[in-house]
N, C-alpha and C. Protein backbone atom coordinates (compact mmCIF):
# COMPACT_ATOMS: atom_id res chain seq x y z
N UNK A 1 117.32 64.90 91.22
CA UNK A 1 118.27 63.87 90.82
C UNK A 1 118.11 62.64 91.72
N UNK A 2 117.86 62.92 92.99
CA UNK A 2 117.71 61.81 93.94
C UNK A 2 116.46 60.98 93.61
N UNK A 3 115.37 61.67 93.29
CA UNK A 3 114.12 60.98 92.94
C UNK A 3 114.32 60.10 91.71
N UNK A 4 115.02 60.64 90.70
CA UNK A 4 115.30 59.89 89.48
C UNK A 4 116.14 58.64 89.78
N UNK A 5 117.16 58.80 90.61
CA UNK A 5 118.01 57.66 90.97
C UNK A 5 117.22 56.60 91.73
N UNK A 6 116.32 57.04 92.60
CA UNK A 6 115.49 56.09 93.34
C UNK A 6 114.58 55.30 92.40
N UNK A 7 114.03 56.00 91.39
CA UNK A 7 113.16 55.34 90.41
C UNK A 7 113.95 54.31 89.60
N UNK A 8 115.17 54.65 89.23
CA UNK A 8 116.03 53.74 88.46
C UNK A 8 116.37 52.51 89.29
N UNK A 9 116.72 52.72 90.55
CA UNK A 9 117.07 51.60 91.44
C UNK A 9 115.84 50.71 91.67
N UNK A 10 114.69 51.34 91.93
CA UNK A 10 113.45 50.58 92.19
C UNK A 10 113.05 49.75 90.98
N UNK A 11 113.33 50.26 89.81
CA UNK A 11 112.96 49.58 88.56
C UNK A 11 113.94 48.46 88.20
N UNK A 12 115.00 48.30 89.01
CA UNK A 12 116.00 47.26 88.75
C UNK A 12 116.61 47.43 87.36
N UNK A 13 116.96 48.68 87.03
CA UNK A 13 117.46 49.04 85.71
C UNK A 13 118.89 48.56 85.48
N UNK A 14 119.68 48.48 86.55
CA UNK A 14 121.09 48.13 86.38
C UNK A 14 121.63 47.36 87.57
N UNK A 15 122.87 46.88 87.41
CA UNK A 15 123.58 46.26 88.53
C UNK A 15 125.03 46.70 88.48
N UNK A 16 125.61 46.96 89.67
CA UNK A 16 126.99 47.39 89.77
C UNK A 16 127.90 46.18 89.56
N UNK A 17 128.88 46.35 88.69
CA UNK A 17 129.74 45.21 88.36
C UNK A 17 131.12 45.69 87.91
N UNK A 18 132.02 44.75 87.73
CA UNK A 18 133.34 45.06 87.17
C UNK A 18 133.22 45.22 85.67
N UNK A 19 134.00 46.11 85.11
CA UNK A 19 134.00 46.31 83.66
C UNK A 19 134.80 45.20 83.00
N UNK A 20 134.18 44.46 82.07
CA UNK A 20 134.93 43.40 81.37
C UNK A 20 136.10 43.98 80.58
N UNK A 21 137.13 43.20 80.41
CA UNK A 21 138.31 43.65 79.66
C UNK A 21 137.94 43.95 78.22
N UNK A 22 138.52 45.02 77.70
CA UNK A 22 138.29 45.40 76.30
C UNK A 22 136.99 46.12 76.06
N UNK A 23 136.20 46.37 77.11
CA UNK A 23 134.90 47.05 76.95
C UNK A 23 135.03 48.49 77.44
N UNK A 24 134.47 49.41 76.66
CA UNK A 24 134.49 50.83 77.04
C UNK A 24 133.09 51.21 77.52
N UNK A 25 132.97 51.71 78.77
CA UNK A 25 131.64 52.09 79.25
C UNK A 25 131.14 53.37 78.58
N UNK A 26 129.84 53.49 78.52
CA UNK A 26 129.20 54.69 77.96
C UNK A 26 129.01 55.69 79.09
N UNK A 27 129.27 56.94 78.82
CA UNK A 27 129.07 57.98 79.83
C UNK A 27 127.60 58.31 80.01
N UNK A 28 127.29 59.00 81.09
CA UNK A 28 125.93 59.47 81.36
C UNK A 28 125.96 60.96 81.67
N UNK A 29 124.81 61.60 81.55
CA UNK A 29 124.72 63.03 81.88
C UNK A 29 123.32 63.32 82.41
N UNK A 30 123.16 64.47 83.01
CA UNK A 30 121.87 64.91 83.53
C UNK A 30 121.23 65.88 82.55
N UNK A 31 119.92 65.74 82.39
CA UNK A 31 119.15 66.67 81.57
C UNK A 31 118.08 67.27 82.47
N UNK A 32 118.12 68.58 82.61
CA UNK A 32 117.17 69.28 83.48
C UNK A 32 116.08 69.93 82.64
N UNK A 33 114.81 69.69 83.05
CA UNK A 33 113.67 70.26 82.33
C UNK A 33 112.69 70.86 83.30
N UNK A 34 112.02 71.90 82.85
CA UNK A 34 110.92 72.49 83.61
C UNK A 34 109.65 72.17 82.86
N UNK A 35 108.73 71.45 83.50
CA UNK A 35 107.49 71.06 82.86
C UNK A 35 106.41 72.07 83.22
N UNK A 36 105.74 72.60 82.20
CA UNK A 36 104.68 73.59 82.41
C UNK A 36 103.31 72.95 82.25
N UNK A 37 102.31 73.47 82.95
CA UNK A 37 100.94 72.99 82.76
C UNK A 37 100.27 73.76 81.62
N UNK A 38 98.99 73.49 81.39
CA UNK A 38 98.30 74.13 80.26
C UNK A 38 98.17 75.65 80.41
N UNK A 39 98.32 76.18 81.64
CA UNK A 39 98.26 77.62 81.87
C UNK A 39 99.62 78.29 81.75
N UNK A 40 100.66 77.50 81.48
CA UNK A 40 101.99 78.05 81.35
C UNK A 40 102.72 78.22 82.68
N UNK A 41 102.13 77.68 83.76
CA UNK A 41 102.76 77.75 85.08
C UNK A 41 103.65 76.53 85.28
N UNK A 42 104.66 76.68 86.13
CA UNK A 42 105.58 75.57 86.40
C UNK A 42 104.84 74.47 87.15
N UNK A 43 104.81 73.28 86.55
CA UNK A 43 104.17 72.13 87.18
C UNK A 43 105.17 71.34 88.00
N UNK A 44 106.36 71.09 87.40
CA UNK A 44 107.41 70.40 88.14
C UNK A 44 108.75 70.55 87.43
N UNK A 45 109.79 70.29 88.19
CA UNK A 45 111.15 70.30 87.66
C UNK A 45 111.61 68.85 87.56
N UNK A 46 112.24 68.51 86.44
CA UNK A 46 112.71 67.13 86.24
C UNK A 46 114.22 67.12 86.04
N UNK A 47 114.85 66.10 86.58
CA UNK A 47 116.29 65.91 86.39
C UNK A 47 116.50 64.49 85.90
N UNK A 48 116.52 64.32 84.60
CA UNK A 48 116.64 62.99 84.01
C UNK A 48 118.09 62.56 83.83
N UNK A 49 118.33 61.28 84.05
CA UNK A 49 119.65 60.71 83.80
C UNK A 49 119.59 60.03 82.43
N UNK A 50 120.46 60.43 81.53
CA UNK A 50 120.45 59.86 80.18
C UNK A 50 121.84 59.34 79.81
N UNK A 51 121.85 58.35 78.94
CA UNK A 51 123.12 57.82 78.44
C UNK A 51 123.63 58.71 77.32
N UNK A 52 124.93 58.75 77.16
CA UNK A 52 125.52 59.49 76.03
C UNK A 52 125.52 58.55 74.82
N UNK A 53 124.33 58.44 74.22
CA UNK A 53 124.13 57.50 73.12
C UNK A 53 125.03 57.73 71.93
N UNK A 54 125.53 58.97 71.79
CA UNK A 54 126.41 59.28 70.65
C UNK A 54 127.72 58.48 70.74
N UNK A 55 128.05 57.95 71.92
CA UNK A 55 129.28 57.17 72.09
C UNK A 55 129.08 55.69 71.76
N UNK A 56 127.83 55.29 71.51
CA UNK A 56 127.56 53.89 71.19
C UNK A 56 128.08 53.54 69.80
N UNK A 57 128.48 52.28 69.64
CA UNK A 57 129.00 51.81 68.36
C UNK A 57 128.09 50.71 67.81
N UNK A 58 127.68 50.88 66.55
CA UNK A 58 126.79 49.92 65.92
C UNK A 58 127.45 48.54 65.89
N UNK A 59 126.66 47.52 66.24
CA UNK A 59 127.15 46.15 66.23
C UNK A 59 127.82 45.75 67.54
N UNK A 60 128.13 46.74 68.38
CA UNK A 60 128.76 46.45 69.67
C UNK A 60 127.80 46.81 70.81
N UNK A 61 127.40 48.08 70.85
CA UNK A 61 126.50 48.55 71.90
C UNK A 61 125.03 48.51 71.49
N UNK A 62 124.75 48.43 70.21
CA UNK A 62 123.36 48.38 69.76
C UNK A 62 123.28 47.76 68.37
N UNK A 63 122.07 47.28 68.04
CA UNK A 63 121.82 46.73 66.70
C UNK A 63 120.60 47.45 66.09
N UNK A 64 119.42 47.11 66.60
CA UNK A 64 118.18 47.63 66.05
C UNK A 64 117.75 48.89 66.80
N UNK A 65 117.42 49.96 66.08
CA UNK A 65 117.03 51.20 66.75
C UNK A 65 115.63 51.69 66.36
N UNK A 66 115.08 51.18 65.29
CA UNK A 66 113.81 51.68 64.77
C UNK A 66 112.65 51.39 65.72
N UNK A 67 111.92 52.41 66.11
CA UNK A 67 110.73 52.25 66.96
C UNK A 67 109.50 52.68 66.17
N UNK A 68 108.61 51.76 65.84
CA UNK A 68 107.42 52.11 65.06
C UNK A 68 106.50 53.07 65.82
N UNK A 69 105.91 54.01 65.11
CA UNK A 69 104.94 54.94 65.70
C UNK A 69 103.77 55.09 64.73
N UNK A 70 102.62 55.46 65.28
CA UNK A 70 101.44 55.69 64.43
C UNK A 70 101.68 56.93 63.58
N UNK A 71 101.26 56.85 62.30
CA UNK A 71 101.41 58.00 61.41
C UNK A 71 100.41 59.08 61.78
N UNK A 72 100.78 60.32 61.54
CA UNK A 72 99.91 61.45 61.87
C UNK A 72 98.58 61.36 61.13
N UNK A 73 98.61 60.90 59.88
CA UNK A 73 97.36 60.75 59.11
C UNK A 73 96.41 59.78 59.80
N UNK A 74 96.95 58.71 60.36
CA UNK A 74 96.13 57.72 61.05
C UNK A 74 95.53 58.31 62.31
N UNK A 75 96.33 59.07 63.06
CA UNK A 75 95.83 59.71 64.28
C UNK A 75 94.70 60.68 63.93
N UNK A 76 94.88 61.44 62.84
CA UNK A 76 93.83 62.38 62.40
C UNK A 76 92.54 61.65 62.04
N UNK A 77 92.67 60.53 61.33
CA UNK A 77 91.50 59.74 60.94
C UNK A 77 90.75 59.24 62.17
N UNK A 78 91.50 58.73 63.14
CA UNK A 78 90.86 58.22 64.35
C UNK A 78 90.20 59.35 65.13
N UNK A 79 90.85 60.52 65.17
CA UNK A 79 90.24 61.67 65.85
C UNK A 79 88.94 62.09 65.16
N UNK A 80 88.91 61.97 63.84
CA UNK A 80 87.68 62.28 63.10
C UNK A 80 86.57 61.30 63.48
N UNK A 81 86.91 60.02 63.63
CA UNK A 81 85.92 59.02 64.06
C UNK A 81 85.43 59.31 65.47
N UNK A 82 86.34 59.71 66.33
CA UNK A 82 85.99 60.05 67.71
C UNK A 82 84.97 61.19 67.72
N UNK A 83 85.23 62.22 66.91
CA UNK A 83 84.31 63.37 66.85
C UNK A 83 82.96 62.96 66.26
N UNK A 84 83.00 62.16 65.19
CA UNK A 84 81.76 61.77 64.51
C UNK A 84 80.87 60.91 65.40
N UNK A 85 81.46 59.95 66.12
CA UNK A 85 80.68 59.02 66.92
C UNK A 85 80.62 59.39 68.40
N UNK A 86 81.19 60.54 68.74
CA UNK A 86 81.19 61.03 70.12
C UNK A 86 81.77 60.02 71.10
N UNK A 87 82.92 59.48 70.73
CA UNK A 87 83.62 58.54 71.60
C UNK A 87 84.43 59.30 72.63
N UNK A 88 84.84 58.58 73.65
CA UNK A 88 85.73 59.15 74.67
C UNK A 88 87.17 59.05 74.16
N UNK A 89 88.02 60.01 74.57
CA UNK A 89 89.43 59.97 74.17
C UNK A 89 90.30 60.37 75.36
N UNK A 90 91.42 59.67 75.51
CA UNK A 90 92.37 59.95 76.59
C UNK A 90 93.78 59.93 76.01
N UNK A 91 94.64 60.73 76.62
CA UNK A 91 96.05 60.72 76.24
C UNK A 91 96.86 60.34 77.47
N UNK A 92 97.74 59.37 77.32
CA UNK A 92 98.60 58.94 78.43
C UNK A 92 100.05 59.12 78.05
N UNK A 93 100.81 59.64 78.97
CA UNK A 93 102.25 59.73 78.80
C UNK A 93 102.83 58.76 79.83
N UNK A 94 103.43 57.69 79.38
CA UNK A 94 103.93 56.66 80.30
C UNK A 94 105.16 57.18 81.03
N UNK A 95 105.09 57.20 82.35
CA UNK A 95 106.18 57.73 83.17
C UNK A 95 107.38 56.79 83.09
N UNK A 96 108.54 57.35 82.82
CA UNK A 96 109.80 56.58 82.74
C UNK A 96 109.66 55.37 81.80
N UNK A 97 108.97 55.59 80.68
CA UNK A 97 108.66 54.49 79.76
C UNK A 97 109.90 53.71 79.32
N UNK A 98 110.95 54.42 78.93
CA UNK A 98 112.12 53.74 78.38
C UNK A 98 112.83 52.88 79.42
N UNK A 99 112.60 53.18 80.69
CA UNK A 99 113.25 52.40 81.73
C UNK A 99 112.61 51.02 81.88
N UNK A 100 111.50 50.79 81.20
CA UNK A 100 110.83 49.49 81.28
C UNK A 100 111.25 48.54 80.16
N UNK A 101 111.80 49.09 79.10
CA UNK A 101 112.19 48.26 77.95
C UNK A 101 113.47 47.48 78.21
N UNK A 102 113.49 46.23 77.74
CA UNK A 102 114.68 45.40 77.89
C UNK A 102 115.38 45.29 76.54
N UNK A 103 116.70 45.45 76.56
CA UNK A 103 117.46 45.35 75.32
C UNK A 103 118.29 44.07 75.33
N UNK A 104 118.75 43.65 74.18
CA UNK A 104 119.47 42.39 74.07
C UNK A 104 120.97 42.53 74.23
N UNK A 105 121.50 43.70 73.94
CA UNK A 105 122.95 43.90 73.97
C UNK A 105 123.45 44.08 75.40
N UNK A 106 124.72 43.74 75.62
CA UNK A 106 125.38 44.01 76.90
C UNK A 106 125.85 45.45 76.87
N UNK A 107 125.30 46.30 77.73
CA UNK A 107 125.66 47.70 77.75
C UNK A 107 126.14 48.08 79.15
N UNK A 108 127.30 48.71 79.21
CA UNK A 108 127.87 49.15 80.48
C UNK A 108 127.96 50.68 80.48
N UNK A 109 127.58 51.28 81.60
CA UNK A 109 127.65 52.73 81.72
C UNK A 109 128.46 53.12 82.95
N UNK A 110 128.99 54.34 82.90
CA UNK A 110 129.73 54.86 84.05
C UNK A 110 128.76 55.19 85.18
N UNK A 111 129.26 55.22 86.38
CA UNK A 111 128.44 55.65 87.52
C UNK A 111 128.18 57.15 87.39
N UNK A 112 126.95 57.58 87.67
CA UNK A 112 126.63 59.01 87.55
C UNK A 112 127.41 59.86 88.57
N UNK A 113 127.85 61.00 88.11
CA UNK A 113 128.54 61.95 88.98
C UNK A 113 127.63 62.31 90.16
N UNK A 114 128.19 62.46 91.33
CA UNK A 114 127.51 62.75 92.59
C UNK A 114 126.80 61.54 93.18
N UNK A 115 126.78 60.41 92.45
CA UNK A 115 126.15 59.19 92.96
C UNK A 115 127.09 57.99 92.81
N UNK A 116 128.38 58.25 92.88
CA UNK A 116 129.38 57.19 92.77
C UNK A 116 129.45 56.47 94.12
N UNK A 117 129.35 55.15 94.09
CA UNK A 117 129.36 54.35 95.32
C UNK A 117 130.74 54.39 95.97
N UNK A 118 130.77 54.75 97.24
CA UNK A 118 132.04 54.84 97.96
C UNK A 118 132.67 53.46 98.11
N UNK A 119 133.96 53.40 97.82
CA UNK A 119 134.69 52.13 97.89
C UNK A 119 134.53 51.28 96.65
N UNK A 120 133.67 51.74 95.70
CA UNK A 120 133.43 50.98 94.46
C UNK A 120 133.56 51.91 93.25
N UNK A 121 134.45 52.88 93.38
CA UNK A 121 134.60 53.89 92.33
C UNK A 121 135.04 53.31 90.99
N UNK A 122 135.70 52.15 91.00
CA UNK A 122 136.20 51.55 89.76
C UNK A 122 135.15 50.69 89.05
N UNK A 123 134.00 50.52 89.67
CA UNK A 123 132.95 49.67 89.08
C UNK A 123 132.06 50.47 88.14
N UNK A 124 131.32 49.76 87.31
CA UNK A 124 130.38 50.37 86.35
C UNK A 124 129.03 49.69 86.51
N UNK A 125 128.02 50.27 85.86
CA UNK A 125 126.70 49.64 85.86
C UNK A 125 126.50 48.85 84.57
N UNK A 126 126.02 47.62 84.72
CA UNK A 126 125.58 46.84 83.56
C UNK A 126 124.07 47.02 83.48
N UNK A 127 123.60 47.54 82.35
CA UNK A 127 122.17 47.81 82.20
C UNK A 127 121.37 46.53 81.99
N UNK A 128 120.32 46.38 82.79
CA UNK A 128 119.39 45.27 82.61
C UNK A 128 118.21 45.73 81.76
N UNK A 129 117.93 47.04 81.83
CA UNK A 129 116.85 47.65 81.07
C UNK A 129 117.39 48.89 80.39
N UNK A 130 116.63 49.41 79.47
CA UNK A 130 117.09 50.57 78.69
C UNK A 130 117.13 51.83 79.53
N UNK A 131 117.93 52.76 79.10
CA UNK A 131 118.07 54.07 79.73
C UNK A 131 117.83 55.11 78.64
N UNK A 132 117.26 56.25 79.00
CA UNK A 132 117.00 57.28 78.00
C UNK A 132 118.27 57.66 77.24
N UNK A 133 118.10 57.92 75.96
CA UNK A 133 119.14 58.31 75.01
C UNK A 133 120.04 57.17 74.56
N UNK A 134 119.77 55.95 75.02
CA UNK A 134 120.41 54.80 74.38
C UNK A 134 119.76 54.67 73.02
N UNK A 135 120.52 54.34 72.02
CA UNK A 135 119.97 54.27 70.67
C UNK A 135 118.86 53.24 70.55
N UNK A 136 118.93 52.16 71.32
CA UNK A 136 117.93 51.10 71.21
C UNK A 136 116.77 51.25 72.20
N UNK A 137 116.77 52.31 73.03
CA UNK A 137 115.74 52.47 74.06
C UNK A 137 114.31 52.55 73.50
N UNK A 138 114.04 53.36 72.45
CA UNK A 138 112.66 53.40 71.94
C UNK A 138 112.19 52.04 71.42
N UNK A 139 113.09 51.31 70.76
CA UNK A 139 112.74 50.00 70.23
C UNK A 139 112.43 49.01 71.37
N UNK A 140 113.25 49.06 72.42
CA UNK A 140 113.05 48.16 73.56
C UNK A 140 111.70 48.43 74.23
N UNK A 141 111.35 49.71 74.36
CA UNK A 141 110.06 50.07 74.96
C UNK A 141 108.91 49.60 74.07
N UNK A 142 109.02 49.82 72.76
CA UNK A 142 107.94 49.42 71.86
C UNK A 142 107.71 47.90 71.93
N UNK A 143 108.80 47.14 71.96
CA UNK A 143 108.69 45.68 72.03
C UNK A 143 107.93 45.25 73.28
N UNK A 144 108.20 45.93 74.40
CA UNK A 144 107.53 45.58 75.66
C UNK A 144 106.04 45.92 75.63
N UNK A 145 105.70 47.14 75.17
CA UNK A 145 104.30 47.55 75.16
C UNK A 145 103.50 46.76 74.13
N UNK A 146 104.13 46.44 73.00
CA UNK A 146 103.46 45.62 71.97
C UNK A 146 103.13 44.25 72.54
N UNK A 147 104.07 43.62 73.22
CA UNK A 147 103.85 42.30 73.82
C UNK A 147 102.71 42.35 74.84
N UNK A 148 102.63 43.45 75.59
CA UNK A 148 101.57 43.60 76.59
C UNK A 148 100.20 43.61 75.91
N UNK A 149 100.03 44.44 74.88
CA UNK A 149 98.73 44.54 74.21
C UNK A 149 98.32 43.22 73.56
N UNK A 150 99.26 42.54 72.93
CA UNK A 150 98.96 41.24 72.31
C UNK A 150 98.51 40.25 73.38
N UNK A 151 99.23 40.23 74.51
CA UNK A 151 98.90 39.31 75.62
C UNK A 151 97.50 39.61 76.18
N UNK A 152 97.10 40.89 76.15
CA UNK A 152 95.80 41.28 76.70
C UNK A 152 94.66 41.13 75.69
N UNK A 153 94.96 40.53 74.53
CA UNK A 153 93.89 40.24 73.57
C UNK A 153 93.62 41.32 72.54
N UNK A 154 94.48 42.32 72.45
CA UNK A 154 94.32 43.34 71.42
C UNK A 154 94.81 42.80 70.09
N UNK A 155 94.22 43.29 69.01
CA UNK A 155 94.69 42.94 67.67
C UNK A 155 95.51 44.11 67.13
N UNK A 156 96.65 43.80 66.54
CA UNK A 156 97.49 44.85 65.96
C UNK A 156 97.07 45.06 64.51
N UNK A 157 96.90 46.29 64.12
CA UNK A 157 96.58 46.62 62.74
C UNK A 157 97.75 46.20 61.85
N UNK A 158 97.47 45.57 60.74
CA UNK A 158 98.54 45.04 59.89
C UNK A 158 99.31 46.13 59.16
N UNK A 159 98.73 47.33 59.02
CA UNK A 159 99.39 48.39 58.27
C UNK A 159 99.75 49.62 59.10
N UNK A 160 99.47 49.56 60.40
CA UNK A 160 99.70 50.73 61.24
C UNK A 160 99.99 50.29 62.66
N UNK A 161 100.54 51.19 63.46
CA UNK A 161 100.93 50.85 64.83
C UNK A 161 99.84 51.28 65.82
N UNK A 162 98.69 50.63 65.63
CA UNK A 162 97.58 50.81 66.56
C UNK A 162 97.09 49.43 66.97
N UNK A 163 96.44 49.38 68.13
CA UNK A 163 95.91 48.13 68.67
C UNK A 163 94.44 48.33 68.95
N UNK A 164 93.65 47.31 68.63
CA UNK A 164 92.20 47.41 68.77
C UNK A 164 91.69 46.21 69.54
N UNK A 165 90.73 46.44 70.44
CA UNK A 165 90.07 45.34 71.13
C UNK A 165 88.59 45.68 71.26
N UNK A 166 87.78 44.63 71.32
CA UNK A 166 86.34 44.81 71.56
C UNK A 166 86.02 44.22 72.92
N UNK A 167 85.19 44.93 73.67
CA UNK A 167 84.76 44.47 74.98
C UNK A 167 83.27 44.17 74.93
N UNK A 168 82.71 43.77 76.09
CA UNK A 168 81.30 43.41 76.14
C UNK A 168 80.42 44.52 75.58
N UNK A 169 79.35 44.11 74.95
CA UNK A 169 78.40 45.08 74.42
C UNK A 169 78.86 45.79 73.16
N UNK A 170 79.88 45.27 72.50
CA UNK A 170 80.36 45.87 71.26
C UNK A 170 81.21 47.11 71.45
N UNK A 171 81.62 47.37 72.68
CA UNK A 171 82.49 48.53 72.93
C UNK A 171 83.86 48.32 72.32
N UNK A 172 84.42 49.37 71.77
CA UNK A 172 85.71 49.29 71.08
C UNK A 172 86.73 50.17 71.80
N UNK A 173 87.94 49.66 71.93
CA UNK A 173 89.04 50.46 72.48
C UNK A 173 90.17 50.42 71.47
N UNK A 174 90.60 51.61 71.02
CA UNK A 174 91.69 51.73 70.06
C UNK A 174 92.85 52.46 70.74
N UNK A 175 94.04 51.90 70.64
CA UNK A 175 95.23 52.52 71.22
C UNK A 175 96.22 52.79 70.11
N UNK A 176 96.62 54.07 69.94
CA UNK A 176 97.67 54.38 68.98
C UNK A 176 98.92 54.78 69.76
N UNK A 177 100.05 54.28 69.30
CA UNK A 177 101.31 54.51 70.00
C UNK A 177 102.17 55.52 69.27
N UNK A 178 102.73 56.43 70.04
CA UNK A 178 103.72 57.36 69.49
C UNK A 178 104.83 57.47 70.53
N UNK A 179 105.83 56.62 70.39
CA UNK A 179 106.94 56.48 71.33
C UNK A 179 106.38 56.18 72.72
N UNK A 180 106.47 57.12 73.68
CA UNK A 180 105.95 56.82 75.03
C UNK A 180 104.61 57.51 75.31
N UNK A 181 103.95 57.98 74.25
CA UNK A 181 102.61 58.55 74.38
C UNK A 181 101.60 57.58 73.81
N UNK A 182 100.50 57.39 74.53
CA UNK A 182 99.41 56.54 74.07
C UNK A 182 98.17 57.38 73.93
N UNK A 183 97.49 57.25 72.81
CA UNK A 183 96.21 57.91 72.62
C UNK A 183 95.16 56.80 72.61
N UNK A 184 94.20 56.88 73.54
CA UNK A 184 93.19 55.84 73.69
C UNK A 184 91.83 56.39 73.29
N UNK A 185 91.16 55.66 72.42
CA UNK A 185 89.84 56.05 71.97
C UNK A 185 88.87 54.92 72.28
N UNK A 186 87.71 55.26 72.83
CA UNK A 186 86.74 54.21 73.13
C UNK A 186 85.35 54.68 72.78
N UNK A 187 84.50 53.70 72.40
CA UNK A 187 83.12 54.05 72.08
C UNK A 187 82.46 54.59 73.34
N UNK A 188 81.51 55.48 73.19
CA UNK A 188 81.00 56.23 74.34
C UNK A 188 80.28 55.37 75.37
N UNK A 189 79.86 54.16 74.97
CA UNK A 189 79.18 53.29 75.91
C UNK A 189 80.16 52.60 76.86
N UNK A 190 81.42 52.64 76.53
CA UNK A 190 82.41 51.96 77.37
C UNK A 190 82.67 52.82 78.60
N UNK A 191 82.54 52.23 79.76
CA UNK A 191 82.71 53.00 80.99
C UNK A 191 84.18 53.18 81.30
N UNK A 192 84.48 54.18 82.13
CA UNK A 192 85.86 54.41 82.55
C UNK A 192 86.39 53.22 83.31
N UNK A 193 85.49 52.55 84.06
CA UNK A 193 85.90 51.35 84.83
C UNK A 193 86.34 50.25 83.88
N UNK A 194 85.59 50.07 82.79
CA UNK A 194 85.97 49.04 81.80
C UNK A 194 87.30 49.39 81.16
N UNK A 195 87.51 50.68 80.92
CA UNK A 195 88.78 51.14 80.35
C UNK A 195 89.93 50.83 81.30
N UNK A 196 89.77 51.16 82.59
CA UNK A 196 90.81 50.89 83.57
C UNK A 196 91.14 49.41 83.67
N UNK A 197 90.13 48.57 83.54
CA UNK A 197 90.35 47.12 83.64
C UNK A 197 91.23 46.59 82.52
N UNK A 198 91.30 47.30 81.41
CA UNK A 198 92.15 46.88 80.30
C UNK A 198 93.62 46.95 80.68
N UNK A 199 93.97 47.79 81.67
CA UNK A 199 95.37 48.03 82.00
C UNK A 199 95.75 47.50 83.38
N UNK A 200 94.86 46.75 84.01
CA UNK A 200 95.17 46.18 85.34
C UNK A 200 95.93 44.88 85.15
């Protein structure tokens, strides 16, 4: 729980403030997970802080919630191309992805239990960035990652949620998005160093 709180603070996710009149803060809760590796052994224990999104009210706490993702058929097609042309493939799970997305609405949450600031018990957090289980969190994350790829010169497919770029020597890098998972496919001539440079 402490590690999660440190990550949230470091990310500048919120600020402690007075609750405006007439506003009801959203509660928060802890979600505990045990992450297993491919052998079924315990890799790590996670204690995530999530908002009680079920308490949000449309038009007040959130507006847009839809987060585009690549269709399974498209992922299968790209995997077939990878196999046929012997391209490299990588899967990335973005750590604390939703904490990077910025939302437009003013959202206030209660201070988490066991981490209430002494002498400031009556204050709440105003979110500057999204928190897991907020209804608009996936959309906020998608908007941020989409802007990044466009800025880096990737072209977005007009009919699907994938991004494509060409590098020197005709090398191709394709990124398909599925919420906070990225599947990256590159032609086999593209070096790992060139791949890393795309994300620096």
